[in-house]
Amino acid sequence: MMIGETPLTRSMMSEEIWTLLDTDPEAFKIAAKEYFSRSYLGWTIVRVKYPIVFSRDDRNKQV
């Protein structure tokens, strides 16, 4: 998948995090961001569609 000229990476998360999407969407957003901040430093979640999380590499944009 691409957004403009930027390719996106497809990743997955545990079912525990996905369960929050139905029960507490705000907690899901927080848990997903925390997971990716530990696992994928410098990547930004762009879209989620069970079971895939699409993320963008923003490491070169950080100053």
N, C-alpha and C. Protein backbone atom coordinates (compact mmCIF):
# COMPACT_ATOMS: atom_id res chain seq x y z
N MET A 1 0.85 -1.17 0.00
CA MET A 1 0.00 0.00 0.00
C MET A 1 0.90 1.24 0.00
N MET A 2 0.44 2.28 -0.67
CA MET A 2 1.20 3.52 -0.74
C MET A 2 0.26 4.69 -0.44
N ILE A 3 0.84 5.73 0.13
CA ILE A 3 0.15 7.01 0.27
C ILE A 3 1.02 7.99 -0.49
N GLY A 4 0.52 8.46 -1.62
CA GLY A 4 1.34 9.30 -2.47
C GLY A 4 2.56 8.52 -2.92
N GLU A 5 3.74 9.04 -2.67
CA GLU A 5 5.00 8.39 -3.03
C GLU A 5 5.57 7.56 -1.89
N THR A 6 4.89 7.55 -0.74
CA THR A 6 5.42 6.90 0.45
C THR A 6 4.87 5.49 0.61
N PRO A 7 5.75 4.48 0.60
CA PRO A 7 5.27 3.10 0.84
C PRO A 7 4.96 2.89 2.32
N LEU A 8 4.00 2.04 2.58
CA LEU A 8 3.63 1.72 3.96
C LEU A 8 4.04 0.29 4.28
N THR A 9 4.38 0.07 5.53
CA THR A 9 4.73 -1.26 6.00
C THR A 9 3.51 -1.89 6.65
N ARG A 10 3.34 -3.17 6.41
CA ARG A 10 2.24 -3.90 7.03
C ARG A 10 2.79 -4.68 8.21
N SER A 11 2.13 -4.53 9.36
CA SER A 11 2.52 -5.23 10.57
C SER A 11 1.28 -5.77 11.26
N MET A 12 1.50 -6.54 12.31
CA MET A 12 0.40 -7.09 13.08
C MET A 12 0.64 -6.84 14.56
N MET A 13 -0.45 -6.92 15.35
CA MET A 13 -0.37 -6.76 16.80
C MET A 13 -1.09 -7.94 17.44
N SER A 14 -0.93 -8.06 18.75
CA SER A 14 -1.57 -9.16 19.48
C SER A 14 -3.09 -8.99 19.54
N GLU A 15 -3.76 -10.09 19.71
CA GLU A 15 -5.22 -10.07 19.85
C GLU A 15 -5.66 -9.25 21.06
N GLU A 16 -4.83 -9.23 22.08
CA GLU A 16 -5.14 -8.47 23.29
C GLU A 16 -5.36 -6.99 22.95
N ILE A 17 -4.52 -6.45 22.10
CA ILE A 17 -4.67 -5.05 21.69
C ILE A 17 -5.89 -4.89 20.79
N TRP A 18 -6.08 -5.81 19.85
CA TRP A 18 -7.22 -5.71 18.94
C TRP A 18 -8.56 -5.79 19.68
N THR A 19 -8.63 -6.54 20.76
CA THR A 19 -9.86 -6.66 21.53
C THR A 19 -10.32 -5.29 22.04
N LEU A 20 -9.36 -4.43 22.34
CA LEU A 20 -9.70 -3.09 22.83
C LEU A 20 -10.44 -2.25 21.79
N LEU A 21 -10.24 -2.54 20.51
CA LEU A 21 -10.90 -1.77 19.45
C LEU A 21 -12.41 -1.78 19.61
N ASP A 22 -12.98 -2.92 19.99
CA ASP A 22 -14.43 -3.03 20.17
C ASP A 22 -14.90 -2.57 21.54
N THR A 23 -14.07 -2.77 22.55
CA THR A 23 -14.51 -2.46 23.92
C THR A 23 -14.16 -1.05 24.37
N ASP A 24 -13.00 -0.54 23.91
CA ASP A 24 -12.55 0.80 24.33
C ASP A 24 -11.64 1.38 23.24
N PRO A 25 -12.23 2.02 22.22
CA PRO A 25 -11.45 2.52 21.09
C PRO A 25 -10.31 3.47 21.49
N GLU A 26 -10.52 4.28 22.50
CA GLU A 26 -9.47 5.21 22.92
C GLU A 26 -8.30 4.45 23.53
N ALA A 27 -8.59 3.42 24.33
CA ALA A 27 -7.53 2.59 24.90
C ALA A 27 -6.80 1.83 23.79
N PHE A 28 -7.53 1.43 22.74
CA PHE A 28 -6.91 0.77 21.59
C PHE A 28 -5.88 1.68 20.94
N LYS A 29 -6.23 2.94 20.71
CA LYS A 29 -5.30 3.89 20.09
C LYS A 29 -4.04 4.05 20.94
N ILE A 30 -4.23 4.18 22.24
CA ILE A 30 -3.10 4.35 23.15
C ILE A 30 -2.21 3.10 23.14
N ALA A 31 -2.82 1.93 23.24
CA ALA A 31 -2.06 0.68 23.28
C ALA A 31 -1.31 0.45 21.96
N ALA A 32 -1.96 0.75 20.83
CA ALA A 32 -1.31 0.57 19.53
C ALA A 32 -0.12 1.52 19.40
N LYS A 33 -0.29 2.78 19.80
CA LYS A 33 0.81 3.74 19.72
C LYS A 33 1.96 3.33 20.64
N GLU A 34 1.64 2.85 21.84
CA GLU A 34 2.68 2.40 22.76
C GLU A 34 3.44 1.20 22.20
N TYR A 35 2.71 0.26 21.62
CA TYR A 35 3.33 -0.93 21.02
C TYR A 35 4.31 -0.52 19.93
N PHE A 36 3.86 0.35 19.03
CA PHE A 36 4.72 0.76 17.93
C PHE A 36 5.85 1.67 18.37
N SER A 37 5.66 2.43 19.43
CA SER A 37 6.76 3.28 19.91
C SER A 37 7.89 2.43 20.48
N ARG A 38 7.58 1.24 20.99
CA ARG A 38 8.61 0.33 21.50
C ARG A 38 9.19 -0.55 20.40
N SER A 39 8.33 -1.00 19.50
CA SER A 39 8.74 -1.98 18.49
C SER A 39 9.25 -1.36 17.19
N TYR A 40 8.69 -0.23 16.82
CA TYR A 40 9.02 0.40 15.55
C TYR A 40 9.33 1.88 15.78
N LEU A 41 10.50 2.16 16.31
CA LEU A 41 10.89 3.53 16.61
C LEU A 41 10.91 4.36 15.32
N GLY A 42 10.24 5.50 15.36
CA GLY A 42 10.24 6.40 14.21
C GLY A 42 9.19 6.09 13.17
N TRP A 43 8.32 5.12 13.44
CA TRP A 43 7.25 4.77 12.50
C TRP A 43 5.93 5.33 13.03
N THR A 44 5.06 5.73 12.11
CA THR A 44 3.76 6.30 12.47
C THR A 44 2.65 5.43 11.92
N ILE A 45 1.69 5.09 12.78
CA ILE A 45 0.53 4.32 12.33
C ILE A 45 -0.32 5.22 11.43
N VAL A 46 -0.64 4.71 10.25
CA VAL A 46 -1.42 5.48 9.29
C VAL A 46 -2.85 4.94 9.19
N ARG A 47 -2.98 3.61 9.26
CA ARG A 47 -4.30 2.99 9.09
C ARG A 47 -4.28 1.63 9.77
N VAL A 48 -5.43 1.26 10.33
CA VAL A 48 -5.57 -0.08 10.88
C VAL A 48 -6.78 -0.75 10.26
N LYS A 49 -6.60 -1.98 9.85
CA LYS A 49 -7.70 -2.79 9.33
C LYS A 49 -7.37 -4.22 9.72
N TYR A 50 -8.13 -4.72 10.68
CA TYR A 50 -7.84 -6.04 11.26
C TYR A 50 -7.51 -7.05 10.19
N PRO A 51 -6.43 -7.77 10.34
CA PRO A 51 -5.43 -7.81 11.41
C PRO A 51 -4.17 -7.01 11.08
N ILE A 52 -4.26 -6.13 10.09
CA ILE A 52 -3.06 -5.42 9.60
C ILE A 52 -3.01 -3.98 10.12
N VAL A 53 -1.82 -3.55 10.47
CA VAL A 53 -1.55 -2.16 10.85
C VAL A 53 -0.60 -1.61 9.79
N PHE A 54 -1.02 -0.55 9.12
CA PHE A 54 -0.19 0.08 8.10
C PHE A 54 0.55 1.24 8.75
N SER A 55 1.86 1.28 8.57
CA SER A 55 2.66 2.35 9.19
C SER A 55 3.63 2.95 8.18
N ARG A 56 4.02 4.17 8.46
CA ARG A 56 4.89 4.96 7.59
C ARG A 56 6.22 5.19 8.30
N ASP A 57 7.31 5.09 7.56
CA ASP A 57 8.64 5.31 8.11
C ASP A 57 8.91 6.82 8.16
N ASP A 58 8.94 7.37 9.36
CA ASP A 58 9.20 8.79 9.55
C ASP A 58 10.57 9.05 10.17
N ARG A 59 11.44 8.05 10.16
CA ARG A 59 12.77 8.21 10.80
C ARG A 59 13.60 9.30 10.13
N ASN A 60 13.50 9.46 8.83
CA ASN A 60 14.28 10.49 8.14
C ASN A 60 13.73 11.87 8.36
N LYS A 61 12.48 11.99 8.82
CA LYS A 61 11.84 13.28 9.04
C LYS A 61 12.18 13.85 10.41
N GLN A 62 12.68 13.01 11.32
CA GLN A 62 12.99 13.45 12.68
C GLN A 62 14.29 14.24 12.68
N VAL A 63 14.26 15.36 13.38
CA VAL A 63 15.45 16.21 13.45
C VAL A 63 15.95 16.29 14.86
